[in-house]
């Protein structure tokens, strides 16, 4: 039975290399925006949404004004499980509920993206809080959220943001999926390291929500999908594409798009990246790929005070 947050949105599944409605098998092209903030915004006196400056009016602008039919919502694992300060875990989960409801009221899906494990342990310089691999609490996290949203077709799951090599000044050893850690001198994260984790996270969701649509990112900060797909049904393979990665999109992710759904969960640039952005958007069109551009709220910005930046014009033109 459909849950109260989804407002009649149909459940999605995969068919061949496309995302489709589960009931009619009609293709659904998901394209939208990332809304960051809930992973790091310390709750103020009104809570998490107020601190992250997320409002119903903003969600309506993203969906109805810009034409997005999906919002990728970044979140913090520790706050889902334990809350923050005087604010409980339930209050944080209720904040996620609220964004999901606002989006679905306008006709948009929400991708829940595990962006940060916590807000206390940087994994390298420049306050990098994006962990190279998950930890054992990530299994509990996805069980909690998949149980909460089991009857919500509007909710999709992005199991871990950006698997990547440890940075040279990262003080923490890499986590194995069995609860142990690698030796401290291991810095690289390969598909052989990431896929066992992905399988465990997928199982944590599917044990309670077997019909869930799940996004699995590549290595090298989400970009590189070589070594995919996995022998698990109803997965979408997710890449993160930025100018620093260069132009070899076919080798990194494009080669998969003929056989399985490939989705760009992040892509974006600054004013100097317009030629790159137009070519990338055309490449997505050619492959029939869905995407969520980065970012409505954090650099590189595609909007300032609801007005599109030069790169945002590229994004908005493709959405409309």
Foldseek 3Di string as FASTA:
>chain_A
DADPQQQPAAAWFDDWLFIAGPPPRHGDFAAFAEQEQQAAQAADPVGRCVSSVDDLVVLCCRCVVLQGQEYEYEHELCCCVANHDPGGNVRSVVVVSVSSNSSSVSRHAYEYEHAAPHQPAAQDPPRHRQDQADAPSLLVSLLVVLQVCLNHSSYAYESGFEREFRDPGGPDFDAAPVHDGDPRPGGGDACVRHVVRVVSNVCSNCVNRVSHQYEYFHYPGRAAPPVDDDPDGRYEYEHADEPVVPDPNCRRPVVCSNGHHYEHAEYFDAPVCQVVLLVVLVVCVVSVHYYHYDHCRDPVHQDDPSHGHSRVVSSSVVSD
